[in-house]
Structure formats: C-alpha cells, structure tokens
C-alpha cells in the first residue's frame, strides 16, 4: 500500500442570503379559501380581485428578486488514490451527503428553480435541493499489460504493450416533487396531498405510485413535502482497450477500442411530475369541500395527466468507437 493514499473527511457548508424570487401579486393566506370559493363555485365572482396588486397588474405576475434563501450541506467524503506503479493505478471517490435549502439553487435568482411558491409561507419550499444526490461513487483504473521487451518480434507486437482502462460511476437520482398544474389558491404553485406511500414499481411507464397523491382541500396548501421520490439513478460503466505500436524512439501509434455505457443499461430520465387537476372541479361552499367529479373513479387521487409518473426520455445506449491516435 506504499503507493496508495486514503482521505476521509466531513464536509459542511452553510449558505446565507442566496437569491430567490417570488410573485408579489399573489393572494395572501387569509384570502386563499375565498379565492377557491370564487374559482370553483359557479358564479362565485372574480377571484383575481384578491391579488395584492390587482388594481395595478390585474392577474399578471409581478416577480421580485431578492437575497433571502438559505442552504445546509453535510457530507461524508472518502477518496482512495493509488499512484501508477507495477503497471497499475486506480482512484475511488465516494460521497454520502444531504443538501437542504428553501430554493432550488440550480440557477439564477429569476429562474423557476429559485422561486418561492408563496412569499407568505417561505418554509413551504424548504427541503432537498433539486440536485441533491445521496450517494455518489466514481471508480477508475488503468492496467498496462507487459511490453515483452527483449522477446521476439511477434510476441512484442501481438501480445505486448496493451492497456486496459475503465470508469464506473453511480449516483442516486435527484429528488422529484409532484406539483399541481393550477395554483388553486392564487399563489404561483401548489402541491398535492400525499395520501399513501409514493414508492412505485420504478418502470418506464410508472416510476412512482401515482395513486399516492390527491387533490388538496379548497384554500389549503398540499401537505406533500419537497422531494418525496427519487428520479432514476445514474449507473454507468465505460471501458477501453488500447494497443500501442512503437514507430520511432519518440513516437507511437495507438489503436483505441472504446465503449460507453458498456453494459448497455437502460437509464431512464425526465420523469413527469405534473399532477393535473380533473376537469370540471367544483366545490360546495357549505362544507368547503370539493365535489367528486363524475369522471373520477376514486377520490381524491384523481388527476388527468396520462404521463404522470412516466419517464419521458432515456440516457444514451451503448456506444462503441474505434480510433487510431498518433503520439509524437
């Protein structure tokens, strides 16, 4: 182990005054129920009159950017590095971490990823950031086969001076947060209620349990937290074989056979998380409850997005390439 180094560390990071944005022309919490009554009761009145800046902006958004977001990052990190010796080297890096914030943190202060659902309830956005990955593992290795120097010509050129190299990477999926296609209460966005375990079959057609979410009560925020399910993980191996041919003392030709996603894993991505409210949704103002729409076979877990929970894309399949490289 004389050529090997091990590093182990705890890494923590605290972020203050990071940018986020919100809609100043939203409906205050005290008027959420009244907004729902007007929006979902026939002839209930103009619900957008309840917006804070309605007299100036109507129902249009009025985005305000400021610096008020906070983040918390905690991680265990390990790193192993073997320097190249005895024709072999490798590196291994592993991180076990968690990152929480009240904005998405993947973009600028004006982006949707850094937008509060409601400026009056900033804690509603607090949870796993949208690039949090619990486990991240990366391994790479290089093995240089013997050159057979001093042996006959055929052995040197056929068996000698081969290189094997590979890279393996794994990372947990990012958090996914189902959201409603309608704010329902006059804020920028709302989330559904969680009424069952969200763990699902994790197939391309149904990644999570789509029946685990339901329509929230009128005038209420959905009780679903941030990031209740995880997107598909990244699980990938690349592998290559090189053969070196010496041309002169200072130059050589290298034949390269390279594969990407060598094991040809099907790796899903872009899971649809839009919970689309059923059409014709109305509420009973006497009970402040929604009336089950006629087309809904179950309630409140009734939504219309046929792609809800479906993978929209896949990562690249196996790729193979050949190349000749002249090194001088």
C-alpha atoms as a PDB file:
ATOM      1  CA  UNK A   1       0.000   0.000   0.000  1.00  0.00           C
ATOM      2  CA  UNK A   2       3.019   2.296  -0.154  1.00  0.00           C
ATOM      3  CA  UNK A   3       1.704   3.965  -3.336  1.00  0.00           C
ATOM      4  CA  UNK A   4      -1.852   4.382  -2.019  1.00  0.00           C
ATOM      5  CA  UNK A   5      -3.391   7.325  -0.214  1.00  0.00           C
ATOM      6  CA  UNK A   6      -6.682   7.389   1.679  1.00  0.00           C
ATOM      7  CA  UNK A   7      -8.503  10.594   2.586  1.00  0.00           C
ATOM      8  CA  UNK A   8     -11.634  10.706   4.750  1.00  0.00           C
ATOM      9  CA  UNK A   9     -13.461  13.927   5.570  1.00  0.00           C
ATOM     10  CA  UNK A  10     -16.602  15.539   6.837  1.00  0.00           C
ATOM     11  CA  UNK A  11     -17.586  18.488   4.665  1.00  0.00           C
ATOM     12  CA  UNK A  12     -20.189  21.021   5.714  1.00  0.00           C
ATOM     13  CA  UNK A  13     -21.415  24.154   4.035  1.00  0.00           C
ATOM     14  CA  UNK A  14     -23.863  26.830   5.148  1.00  0.00           C
ATOM     15  CA  UNK A  15     -25.295  29.282   2.636  1.00  0.00           C
ATOM     16  CA  UNK A  16     -26.838  32.654   3.510  1.00  0.00           C
ATOM     17  CA  UNK A  17     -28.560  35.385   1.508  1.00  0.00           C
ATOM     18  CA  UNK A  18     -28.764  33.421  -1.727  1.00  0.00           C
ATOM     19  CA  UNK A  19     -31.046  34.722  -4.477  1.00  0.00           C
ATOM     20  CA  UNK A  20     -34.643  33.705  -4.926  1.00  0.00           C
ATOM     21  CA  UNK A  21     -37.764  35.296  -6.367  1.00  0.00           C
ATOM     22  CA  UNK A  22     -41.490  35.356  -5.729  1.00  0.00           C
ATOM     23  CA  UNK A  23     -44.687  36.772  -7.146  1.00  0.00           C
ATOM     24  CA  UNK A  24     -45.648  39.981  -5.348  1.00  0.00           C
ATOM     25  CA  UNK A  25     -49.080  39.815  -6.981  1.00  0.00           C
ATOM     26  CA  UNK A  26     -50.176  36.660  -5.174  1.00  0.00           C
ATOM     27  CA  UNK A  27     -53.141  36.123  -2.863  1.00  0.00           C
ATOM     28  CA  UNK A  28     -52.411  36.377   0.897  1.00  0.00           C
ATOM     29  CA  UNK A  29     -53.129  33.274   3.037  1.00  0.00           C
ATOM     30  CA  UNK A  30     -56.126  34.924   4.697  1.00  0.00           C
ATOM     31  CA  UNK A  31     -57.858  35.015   1.294  1.00  0.00           C
ATOM     32  CA  UNK A  32     -56.938  31.551  -0.020  1.00  0.00           C
ATOM     33  CA  UNK A  33     -60.284  29.986   0.856  1.00  0.00           C
ATOM     34  CA  UNK A  34     -62.208  32.893  -0.617  1.00  0.00           C
ATOM     35  CA  UNK A  35     -60.109  32.612  -3.790  1.00  0.00           C
ATOM     36  CA  UNK A  36     -61.043  28.915  -4.046  1.00  0.00           C
ATOM     37  CA  UNK A  37     -64.719  29.688  -3.460  1.00  0.00           C
ATOM     38  CA  UNK A  38     -64.760  32.172  -6.285  1.00  0.00           C
ATOM     39  CA  UNK A  39     -62.668  29.998  -8.605  1.00  0.00           C
ATOM     40  CA  UNK A  40     -64.527  26.715  -8.065  1.00  0.00           C
ATOM     41  CA  UNK A  41     -68.086  27.843  -7.344  1.00  0.00           C
ATOM     42  CA  UNK A  42     -70.294  28.721 -10.334  1.00  0.00           C
ATOM     43  CA  UNK A  43     -70.832  32.484 -10.469  1.00  0.00           C
ATOM     44  CA  UNK A  44     -68.583  32.852  -7.406  1.00  0.00           C
ATOM     45  CA  UNK A  45     -67.110  36.154  -8.562  1.00  0.00           C
ATOM     46  CA  UNK A  46     -63.744  37.329  -9.841  1.00  0.00           C
ATOM     47  CA  UNK A  47     -61.125  35.525  -7.757  1.00  0.00           C
ATOM     48  CA  UNK A  48     -58.200  37.566  -9.062  1.00  0.00           C
ATOM     49  CA  UNK A  49     -59.532  40.685  -7.329  1.00  0.00           C
ATOM     50  CA  UNK A  50     -57.998  39.197  -4.183  1.00  0.00           C
ATOM     51  CA  UNK A  51     -54.475  39.569  -5.511  1.00  0.00           C
ATOM     52  CA  UNK A  52     -52.344  42.131  -3.677  1.00  0.00           C
ATOM     53  CA  UNK A  53     -51.627  44.300  -6.727  1.00  0.00           C
ATOM     54  CA  UNK A  54     -54.781  43.560  -8.696  1.00  0.00           C
ATOM     55  CA  UNK A  55     -55.659  47.260  -9.190  1.00  0.00           C
ATOM     56  CA  UNK A  56     -52.336  47.823 -10.976  1.00  0.00           C
ATOM     57  CA  UNK A  57     -51.416  44.449 -12.511  1.00  0.00           C
ATOM     58  CA  UNK A  58     -54.690  42.532 -12.761  1.00  0.00           C
ATOM     59  CA  UNK A  59     -53.886  38.840 -12.605  1.00  0.00           C
ATOM     60  CA  UNK A  60     -50.401  39.247 -14.088  1.00  0.00           C
ATOM     61  CA  UNK A  61     -47.291  38.136 -12.193  1.00  0.00           C
ATOM     62  CA  UNK A  62     -45.038  40.709 -10.587  1.00  0.00           C
ATOM     63  CA  UNK A  63     -41.728  38.981  -9.926  1.00  0.00           C
ATOM     64  CA  UNK A  64     -39.487  40.297  -7.192  1.00  0.00           C
ATOM     65  CA  UNK A  65     -35.888  39.093  -6.859  1.00  0.00           C
ATOM     66  CA  UNK A  66     -34.104  39.284  -3.535  1.00  0.00           C
ATOM     67  CA  UNK A  67     -31.439  37.529  -1.463  1.00  0.00           C
ATOM     68  CA  UNK A  68     -33.036  35.568   1.334  1.00  0.00           C
ATOM     69  CA  UNK A  69     -32.518  31.854   0.680  1.00  0.00           C
ATOM     70  CA  UNK A  70     -30.533  29.583   2.981  1.00  0.00           C
ATOM     71  CA  UNK A  71     -28.898  26.192   2.481  1.00  0.00           C
ATOM     72  CA  UNK A  72     -27.368  23.419   4.568  1.00  0.00           C
ATOM     73  CA  UNK A  73     -24.949  20.787   3.230  1.00  0.00           C
ATOM     74  CA  UNK A  74     -23.481  17.862   5.167  1.00  0.00           C
ATOM     75  CA  UNK A  75     -21.317  15.137   3.638  1.00  0.00           C
ATOM     76  CA  UNK A  76     -19.017  12.234   4.378  1.00  0.00           C
ATOM     77  CA  UNK A  77     -16.367  12.015   1.688  1.00  0.00           C
ATOM     78  CA  UNK A  78     -13.763   9.317   1.066  1.00  0.00           C
ATOM     79  CA  UNK A  79     -11.022   9.264  -1.553  1.00  0.00           C
ATOM     80  CA  UNK A  80      -8.547   6.479  -2.392  1.00  0.00           C
ATOM     81  CA  UNK A  81      -5.756   7.041  -4.900  1.00  0.00           C
ATOM     82  CA  UNK A  82      -3.116   4.527  -5.972  1.00  0.00           C
ATOM     83  CA  UNK A  83      -0.318   6.083  -7.936  1.00  0.00           C
ATOM     84  CA  UNK A  84       0.769   4.308 -11.105  1.00  0.00           C
ATOM     85  CA  UNK A  85       3.172   1.540 -10.110  1.00  0.00           C
ATOM     86  CA  UNK A  86       3.596  -2.089 -11.076  1.00  0.00           C
ATOM     87  CA  UNK A  87       1.683  -1.216 -14.273  1.00  0.00           C
ATOM     88  CA  UNK A  88      -1.483  -0.405 -12.348  1.00  0.00           C
ATOM     89  CA  UNK A  89      -3.297   2.600 -10.856  1.00  0.00           C
ATOM     90  CA  UNK A  90      -6.792   3.349  -9.619  1.00  0.00           C
ATOM     91  CA  UNK A  91      -8.877   6.046  -7.949  1.00  0.00           C
ATOM     92  CA  UNK A  92     -12.067   5.750  -5.922  1.00  0.00           C
ATOM     93  CA  UNK A  93     -14.185   8.621  -4.665  1.00  0.00           C
ATOM     94  CA  UNK A  94     -17.370   8.300  -2.629  1.00  0.00           C
ATOM     95  CA  UNK A  95     -19.702  10.898  -1.137  1.00  0.00           C
ATOM     96  CA  UNK A  96     -22.641  10.375   1.196  1.00  0.00           C
ATOM     97  CA  UNK A  97     -24.430  13.689   1.547  1.00  0.00           C
ATOM     98  CA  UNK A  98     -27.594  15.678   2.050  1.00  0.00           C
ATOM     99  CA  UNK A  99     -28.395  19.212   0.957  1.00  0.00           C
ATOM    100  CA  UNK A 100     -31.380  21.228   2.146  1.00  0.00           C
ATOM    101  CA  UNK A 101     -32.494  24.701   1.114  1.00  0.00           C
ATOM    102  CA  UNK A 102     -35.562  26.834   0.602  1.00  0.00           C
ATOM    103  CA  UNK A 103     -34.799  27.357  -3.070  1.00  0.00           C
ATOM    104  CA  UNK A 104     -33.693  25.040  -5.854  1.00  0.00           C
ATOM    105  CA  UNK A 105     -30.219  26.566  -6.214  1.00  0.00           C
ATOM    106  CA  UNK A 106     -29.656  25.320  -9.753  1.00  0.00           C
ATOM    107  CA  UNK A 107     -29.921  28.678 -11.435  1.00  0.00           C
ATOM    108  CA  UNK A 108     -30.137  32.368 -11.083  1.00  0.00           C
ATOM    109  CA  UNK A 109     -32.397  34.441  -8.884  1.00  0.00           C
ATOM    110  CA  UNK A 110     -35.068  34.885 -11.586  1.00  0.00           C
ATOM    111  CA  UNK A 111     -35.413  31.231 -12.563  1.00  0.00           C
ATOM    112  CA  UNK A 112     -38.293  28.916 -11.624  1.00  0.00           C
ATOM    113  CA  UNK A 113     -35.855  26.715  -9.707  1.00  0.00           C
ATOM    114  CA  UNK A 114     -35.271  29.560  -7.259  1.00  0.00           C
ATOM    115  CA  UNK A 115     -38.915  30.649  -6.984  1.00  0.00           C
ATOM    116  CA  UNK A 116     -40.969  30.564  -3.800  1.00  0.00           C
ATOM    117  CA  UNK A 117     -44.405  29.034  -4.126  1.00  0.00           C
ATOM    118  CA  UNK A 118     -45.725  31.682  -1.739  1.00  0.00           C
ATOM    119  CA  UNK A 119     -43.803  34.633  -0.306  1.00  0.00           C
ATOM    120  CA  UNK A 120     -46.023  34.475   2.803  1.00  0.00           C
ATOM    121  CA  UNK A 121     -45.067  30.849   3.544  1.00  0.00           C
ATOM    122  CA  UNK A 122     -41.337  30.625   2.637  1.00  0.00           C
ATOM    123  CA  UNK A 123     -40.879  27.393   4.617  1.00  0.00           C
ATOM    124  CA  UNK A 124     -43.135  25.609   2.092  1.00  0.00           C
ATOM    125  CA  UNK A 125     -40.153  25.486  -0.277  1.00  0.00           C
ATOM    126  CA  UNK A 126     -37.746  24.073   2.307  1.00  0.00           C
ATOM    127  CA  UNK A 127     -36.460  20.597   1.576  1.00  0.00           C
ATOM    128  CA  UNK A 128     -33.995  18.681  -0.570  1.00  0.00           C
ATOM    129  CA  UNK A 129     -32.461  20.778  -3.324  1.00  0.00           C
ATOM    130  CA  UNK A 130     -33.174  19.670  -6.852  1.00  0.00           C
ATOM    131  CA  UNK A 131     -29.605  18.452  -7.401  1.00  0.00           C
ATOM    132  CA  UNK A 132     -29.179  16.599  -4.101  1.00  0.00           C
ATOM    133  CA  UNK A 133     -27.724  13.109  -4.597  1.00  0.00           C
ATOM    134  CA  UNK A 134     -27.388  10.920  -1.516  1.00  0.00           C
ATOM    135  CA  UNK A 135     -24.716   8.599  -2.902  1.00  0.00           C
ATOM    136  CA  UNK A 136     -22.070   9.443  -5.489  1.00  0.00           C
ATOM    137  CA  UNK A 137     -19.430   6.852  -6.370  1.00  0.00           C
ATOM    138  CA  UNK A 138     -16.725   7.096  -9.006  1.00  0.00           C
ATOM    139  CA  UNK A 139     -14.038   4.488  -9.757  1.00  0.00           C
ATOM    140  CA  UNK A 140     -11.413   4.490 -12.492  1.00  0.00           C
ATOM    141  CA  UNK A 141      -8.467   2.193 -13.166  1.00  0.00           C
ATOM    142  CA  UNK A 142      -5.633   1.726 -15.664  1.00  0.00           C
ATOM    143  CA  UNK A 143      -3.726  -1.516 -16.206  1.00  0.00           C
ATOM    144  CA  UNK A 144      -0.745  -1.626 -18.537  1.00  0.00           C
ATOM    145  CA  UNK A 145      -0.004  -5.151 -19.696  1.00  0.00           C
ATOM    146  CA  UNK A 146       3.649  -6.253 -20.058  1.00  0.00           C
ATOM    147  CA  UNK A 147       5.577  -4.958 -23.079  1.00  0.00           C
ATOM    148  CA  UNK A 148       7.525  -8.209 -23.513  1.00  0.00           C
ATOM    149  CA  UNK A 149      10.660  -6.191 -24.136  1.00  0.00           C
ATOM    150  CA  UNK A 150      13.537  -8.417 -25.206  1.00  0.00           C
ATOM    151  CA  UNK A 151      11.209 -11.063 -26.574  1.00  0.00           C
ATOM    152  CA  UNK A 152      10.821 -11.918 -30.249  1.00  0.00           C
ATOM    153  CA  UNK A 153       9.149  -9.552 -32.706  1.00  0.00           C
ATOM    154  CA  UNK A 154       5.855 -11.422 -32.894  1.00  0.00           C
ATOM    155  CA  UNK A 155       5.351 -11.596 -29.129  1.00  0.00           C
ATOM    156  CA  UNK A 156       6.165  -7.913 -28.688  1.00  0.00           C
ATOM    157  CA  UNK A 157       3.758  -6.721 -31.393  1.00  0.00           C
ATOM    158  CA  UNK A 158       0.915  -9.149 -30.778  1.00  0.00           C
ATOM    159  CA  UNK A 159       0.901  -9.537 -27.010  1.00  0.00           C
ATOM    160  CA  UNK A 160       2.880  -6.619 -25.679  1.00  0.00           C
ATOM    161  CA  UNK A 161       2.005  -3.035 -24.788  1.00  0.00           C
ATOM    162  CA  UNK A 162      -1.759  -3.314 -24.290  1.00  0.00           C
ATOM    163  CA  UNK A 163      -3.649  -1.020 -21.916  1.00  0.00           C
ATOM    164  CA  UNK A 164      -6.975  -1.622 -20.193  1.00  0.00           C
ATOM    165  CA  UNK A 165      -8.906   1.239 -18.638  1.00  0.00           C
ATOM    166  CA  UNK A 166     -12.361   1.726 -17.232  1.00  0.00           C
ATOM    167  CA  UNK A 167     -14.550   4.243 -15.437  1.00  0.00           C
ATOM    168  CA  UNK A 168     -17.559   3.352 -13.314  1.00  0.00           C
ATOM    169  CA  UNK A 169     -19.945   5.956 -11.970  1.00  0.00           C
ATOM    170  CA  UNK A 170     -23.027   5.729  -9.799  1.00  0.00           C
ATOM    171  CA  UNK A 171     -25.133   8.495  -8.313  1.00  0.00           C
ATOM    172  CA  UNK A 172     -28.520   8.496  -6.639  1.00  0.00           C
ATOM    173  CA  UNK A 173     -31.402  10.059  -8.502  1.00  0.00           C
ATOM    174  CA  UNK A 174     -32.321  13.666  -7.826  1.00  0.00           C
ATOM    175  CA  UNK A 175     -35.405  14.472  -5.722  1.00  0.00           C
ATOM    176  CA  UNK A 176     -38.720  14.732  -7.568  1.00  0.00           C
ATOM    177  CA  UNK A 177     -41.623  16.841  -6.322  1.00  0.00           C
ATOM    178  CA  UNK A 178     -45.068  16.395  -7.898  1.00  0.00           C
ATOM    179  CA  UNK A 179     -46.886  19.708  -8.327  1.00  0.00           C
ATOM    180  CA  UNK A 180     -50.356  20.851  -9.326  1.00  0.00           C
ATOM    181  CA  UNK A 181     -50.991  22.286 -12.759  1.00  0.00           C
ATOM    182  CA  UNK A 182     -53.079  25.009 -11.086  1.00  0.00           C
ATOM    183  CA  UNK A 183     -52.192  27.144  -8.069  1.00  0.00           C
ATOM    184  CA  UNK A 184     -55.780  26.723  -6.772  1.00  0.00           C
ATOM    185  CA  UNK A 185     -55.316  29.384  -4.082  1.00  0.00           C
ATOM    186  CA  UNK A 186     -53.840  32.299  -6.025  1.00  0.00           C
ATOM    187  CA  UNK A 187     -50.137  31.642  -5.466  1.00  0.00           C
ATOM    188  CA  UNK A 188     -47.527  30.719  -8.037  1.00  0.00           C
ATOM    189  CA  UNK A 189     -47.729  26.963  -7.457  1.00  0.00           C
ATOM    190  CA  UNK A 190     -49.228  24.418  -5.058  1.00  0.00           C
ATOM    191  CA  UNK A 191     -48.538  20.746  -4.370  1.00  0.00           C
ATOM    192  CA  UNK A 192     -50.982  17.859  -3.939  1.00  0.00           C
ATOM    193  CA  UNK A 193     -51.626  15.992  -0.712  1.00  0.00           C
ATOM    194  CA  UNK A 194     -49.705  12.807  -0.040  1.00  0.00           C
ATOM    195  CA  UNK A 195     -52.211  10.128   0.918  1.00  0.00           C
ATOM    196  CA  UNK A 196     -50.132   6.928   0.538  1.00  0.00           C
ATOM    197  CA  UNK A 197     -46.582   5.636   0.139  1.00  0.00           C
ATOM    198  CA  UNK A 198     -45.090   7.112  -3.037  1.00  0.00           C
ATOM    199  CA  UNK A 199     -42.782   4.163  -3.706  1.00  0.00           C
ATOM    200  CA  UNK A 200     -43.705   2.563  -7.007  1.00  0.00           C
ATOM    201  CA  UNK A 201     -42.646  -0.142  -9.472  1.00  0.00           C
ATOM    202  CA  UNK A 202     -39.893   2.085 -10.930  1.00  0.00           C
ATOM    203  CA  UNK A 203     -40.654   1.187 -14.533  1.00  0.00           C
ATOM    204  CA  UNK A 204     -40.625   3.475 -17.559  1.00  0.00           C
ATOM    205  CA  UNK A 205     -44.434   3.559 -17.579  1.00  0.00           C
ATOM    206  CA  UNK A 206     -44.846   4.117 -13.832  1.00  0.00           C
ATOM    207  CA  UNK A 207     -41.821   5.223 -11.875  1.00  0.00           C
ATOM    208  CA  UNK A 208     -43.657   6.012  -8.626  1.00  0.00           C
ATOM    209  CA  UNK A 209     -47.064   5.278  -7.115  1.00  0.00           C
ATOM    210  CA  UNK A 210     -49.255   7.790  -8.926  1.00  0.00           C
ATOM    211  CA  UNK A 211     -52.174   6.999  -6.599  1.00  0.00           C
ATOM    212  CA  UNK A 212     -50.227   8.293  -3.615  1.00  0.00           C
ATOM    213  CA  UNK A 213     -51.236  11.900  -4.330  1.00  0.00           C
ATOM    214  CA  UNK A 214     -54.568  13.641  -4.077  1.00  0.00           C
ATOM    215  CA  UNK A 215     -56.309  16.966  -4.634  1.00  0.00           C
ATOM    216  CA  UNK A 216     -55.871  19.220  -1.562  1.00  0.00           C
ATOM    217  CA  UNK A 217     -58.844  20.815   0.159  1.00  0.00           C
ATOM    218  CA  UNK A 218     -60.004  24.235  -1.094  1.00  0.00           C
ATOM    219  CA  UNK A 219     -57.930  27.074   0.311  1.00  0.00           C
ATOM    220  CA  UNK A 220     -55.198  24.776   1.581  1.00  0.00           C
ATOM    221  CA  UNK A 221     -51.585  24.085   0.720  1.00  0.00           C
ATOM    222  CA  UNK A 222     -50.984  20.480  -0.234  1.00  0.00           C
ATOM    223  CA  UNK A 223     -49.222  18.593   2.558  1.00  0.00           C
ATOM    224  CA  UNK A 224     -46.724  16.957   0.190  1.00  0.00           C
ATOM    225  CA  UNK A 225     -43.146  17.778   1.137  1.00  0.00           C
ATOM    226  CA  UNK A 226     -40.243  18.603  -1.166  1.00  0.00           C
ATOM    227  CA  UNK A 227     -38.609  15.638  -2.900  1.00  0.00           C
ATOM    228  CA  UNK A 228     -40.719  12.679  -1.713  1.00  0.00           C
ATOM    229  CA  UNK A 229     -39.496  10.428  -4.535  1.00  0.00           C
ATOM    230  CA  UNK A 230     -36.210  10.000  -6.339  1.00  0.00           C
ATOM    231  CA  UNK A 231     -35.524  10.067 -10.055  1.00  0.00           C
ATOM    232  CA  UNK A 232     -33.722   7.089 -11.606  1.00  0.00           C
ATOM    233  CA  UNK A 233     -30.111   6.736 -10.546  1.00  0.00           C
ATOM    234  CA  UNK A 234     -27.170   7.038 -12.929  1.00  0.00           C
ATOM    235  CA  UNK A 235     -25.358   3.700 -13.174  1.00  0.00           C
ATOM    236  CA  UNK A 236     -22.756   3.701 -15.899  1.00  0.00           C
ATOM    237  CA  UNK A 237     -19.543   1.970 -16.939  1.00  0.00           C
ATOM    238  CA  UNK A 238     -17.147   2.974 -19.715  1.00  0.00           C
ATOM    239  CA  UNK A 239     -14.372   0.620 -20.820  1.00  0.00           C
ATOM    240  CA  UNK A 240     -11.499   0.853 -23.286  1.00  0.00           C
ATOM    241  CA  UNK A 241      -8.645  -1.232 -24.708  1.00  0.00           C
ATOM    242  CA  UNK A 242      -5.558   0.417 -26.219  1.00  0.00           C
ATOM    243  CA  UNK A 243      -2.724  -1.143 -28.216  1.00  0.00           C
ATOM    244  CA  UNK A 244       0.496   0.814 -28.601  1.00  0.00           C
ATOM    245  CA  UNK A 245       2.817   0.380 -31.593  1.00  0.00           C
ATOM    246  CA  UNK A 246       6.232   1.987 -31.371  1.00  0.00           C
ATOM    247  CA  UNK A 247       7.203   3.838 -34.563  1.00  0.00           C
ATOM    248  CA  UNK A 248      10.383   5.663 -33.559  1.00  0.00           C
ATOM    249  CA  UNK A 249      12.080   6.392 -30.278  1.00  0.00           C
ATOM    250  CA  UNK A 250       9.802   9.368 -29.648  1.00  0.00           C
ATOM    251  CA  UNK A 251       6.573   8.444 -31.437  1.00  0.00           C
ATOM    252  CA  UNK A 252       3.977   5.706 -31.448  1.00  0.00           C
ATOM    253  CA  UNK A 253       0.604   4.800 -32.892  1.00  0.00           C
ATOM    254  CA  UNK A 254      -2.180   3.834 -30.536  1.00  0.00           C
ATOM    255  CA  UNK A 255      -5.172   1.737 -31.577  1.00  0.00           C
ATOM    256  CA  UNK A 256      -8.193   2.508 -29.374  1.00  0.00           C
ATOM    257  CA  UNK A 257     -11.344   0.450 -28.805  1.00  0.00           C
ATOM    258  CA  UNK A 258     -13.724   2.370 -26.542  1.00  0.00           C
ATOM    259  CA  UNK A 259     -17.198   1.650 -25.231  1.00  0.00           C
ATOM    260  CA  UNK A 260     -19.561   3.979 -23.383  1.00  0.00           C
ATOM    261  CA  UNK A 261     -22.378   2.594 -21.239  1.00  0.00           C
ATOM    262  CA  UNK A 262     -20.594  -0.703 -21.777  1.00  0.00           C
ATOM    263  CA  UNK A 263     -23.240  -2.827 -20.049  1.00  0.00           C
ATOM    264  CA  UNK A 264     -25.983  -1.088 -22.069  1.00  0.00           C
ATOM    265  CA  UNK A 265     -28.055  -0.225 -19.011  1.00  0.00           C
ATOM    266  CA  UNK A 266     -31.389   1.389 -19.804  1.00  0.00           C
ATOM    267  CA  UNK A 267     -31.255   4.559 -17.745  1.00  0.00           C
ATOM    268  CA  UNK A 268     -34.494   6.499 -17.519  1.00  0.00           C
ATOM    269  CA  UNK A 269     -34.748  10.251 -17.030  1.00  0.00           C
ATOM    270  CA  UNK A 270     -37.167  13.191 -17.053  1.00  0.00           C
ATOM    271  CA  UNK A 271     -39.990  11.678 -15.003  1.00  0.00           C
ATOM    272  CA  UNK A 272     -43.210  13.672 -15.473  1.00  0.00           C
ATOM    273  CA  UNK A 273     -44.404  15.048 -12.106  1.00  0.00           C
ATOM    274  CA  UNK A 274     -47.291  17.328 -13.114  1.00  0.00           C
ATOM    275  CA  UNK A 275     -50.476  16.430 -11.223  1.00  0.00           C
ATOM    276  CA  UNK A 276     -53.249  17.675 -13.486  1.00  0.00           C
ATOM    277  CA  UNK A 277     -56.499  18.529 -11.726  1.00  0.00           C
ATOM    278  CA  UNK A 278     -59.638  16.795 -13.001  1.00  0.00           C
ATOM    279  CA  UNK A 279     -61.779  18.895 -15.309  1.00  0.00           C
ATOM    280  CA  UNK A 280     -64.997  20.379 -14.042  1.00  0.00           C
ATOM    281  CA  UNK A 281     -63.751  20.616 -10.469  1.00  0.00           C
ATOM    282  CA  UNK A 282     -66.256  22.441  -8.232  1.00  0.00           C
ATOM    283  CA  UNK A 283     -66.629  22.933  -4.501  1.00  0.00           C
ATOM    284  CA  UNK A 284     -69.510  23.000  -2.061  1.00  0.00           C
ATOM    285  CA  UNK A 285     -69.352  26.373  -0.235  1.00  0.00           C
ATOM    286  CA  UNK A 286     -71.460  24.970   2.616  1.00  0.00           C
ATOM    287  CA  UNK A 287     -68.816  22.358   3.529  1.00  0.00           C
ATOM    288  CA  UNK A 288     -65.729  23.959   1.946  1.00  0.00           C
ATOM    289  CA  UNK A 289     -65.015  20.634   0.230  1.00  0.00           C
ATOM    290  CA  UNK A 290     -64.571  19.701  -3.392  1.00  0.00           C
ATOM    291  CA  UNK A 291     -67.297  17.671  -5.049  1.00  0.00           C
ATOM    292  CA  UNK A 292     -66.040  14.446  -6.597  1.00  0.00           C
ATOM    293  CA  UNK A 293     -66.098  14.917 -10.401  1.00  0.00           C
ATOM    294  CA  UNK A 294     -68.219  12.409 -12.288  1.00  0.00           C
ATOM    295  CA  UNK A 295     -65.279  11.044 -14.309  1.00  0.00           C
ATOM    296  CA  UNK A 296     -63.224  10.210 -11.199  1.00  0.00           C
ATOM    297  CA  UNK A 297     -63.364   6.550 -10.207  1.00  0.00           C
ATOM    298  CA  UNK A 298     -61.549   7.324  -6.945  1.00  0.00           C
ATOM    299  CA  UNK A 299     -61.138  10.430  -4.824  1.00  0.00           C
ATOM    300  CA  UNK A 300     -59.112  12.468  -4.009  1.00  0.00           C
ATOM    301  CA  UNK A 301     -56.416  10.651  -6.006  1.00  0.00           C
ATOM    302  CA  UNK A 302     -57.876  11.699  -9.339  1.00  0.00           C
ATOM    303  CA  UNK A 303     -55.872  13.532 -11.998  1.00  0.00           C
ATOM    304  CA  UNK A 304     -55.861  13.752 -15.809  1.00  0.00           C
ATOM    305  CA  UNK A 305     -52.211  13.763 -16.871  1.00  0.00           C
ATOM    306  CA  UNK A 306     -51.703  10.422 -18.644  1.00  0.00           C
ATOM    307  CA  UNK A 307     -47.920  10.937 -18.471  1.00  0.00           C
ATOM    308  CA  UNK A 308     -47.862  11.463 -14.695  1.00  0.00           C
ATOM    309  CA  UNK A 309     -45.037   9.278 -13.342  1.00  0.00           C
ATOM    310  CA  UNK A 310     -43.873   8.294 -16.850  1.00  0.00           C
ATOM    311  CA  UNK A 311     -40.235   8.562 -17.984  1.00  0.00           C
ATOM    312  CA  UNK A 312     -40.064  10.963 -20.922  1.00  0.00           C
ATOM    313  CA  UNK A 313     -36.520  10.148 -22.057  1.00  0.00           C
ATOM    314  CA  UNK A 314     -33.651   7.692 -21.614  1.00  0.00           C
ATOM    315  CA  UNK A 315     -29.925   8.276 -21.447  1.00  0.00           C
ATOM    316  CA  UNK A 316     -27.694   7.169 -24.323  1.00  0.00           C
ATOM    317  CA  UNK A 317     -27.454   3.425 -25.041  1.00  0.00           C
ATOM    318  CA  UNK A 318     -24.147   1.636 -25.515  1.00  0.00           C
ATOM    319  CA  UNK A 319     -21.778   3.374 -27.916  1.00  0.00           C
ATOM    320  CA  UNK A 320     -18.681   1.777 -29.462  1.00  0.00           C
ATOM    321  CA  UNK A 321     -15.932   3.598 -31.301  1.00  0.00           C
ATOM    322  CA  UNK A 322     -12.573   2.726 -32.885  1.00  0.00           C
ATOM    323  CA  UNK A 323      -9.744   5.165 -33.381  1.00  0.00           C
ATOM    324  CA  UNK A 324      -6.092   5.487 -34.327  1.00  0.00           C
ATOM    325  CA  UNK A 325      -4.030   8.015 -32.426  1.00  0.00           C
ATOM    326  CA  UNK A 326      -0.540   9.181 -33.471  1.00  0.00           C
ATOM    327  CA  UNK A 327       1.540  10.312 -30.500  1.00  0.00           C
ATOM    328  CA  UNK A 328       4.805  12.146 -31.049  1.00  0.00           C
END
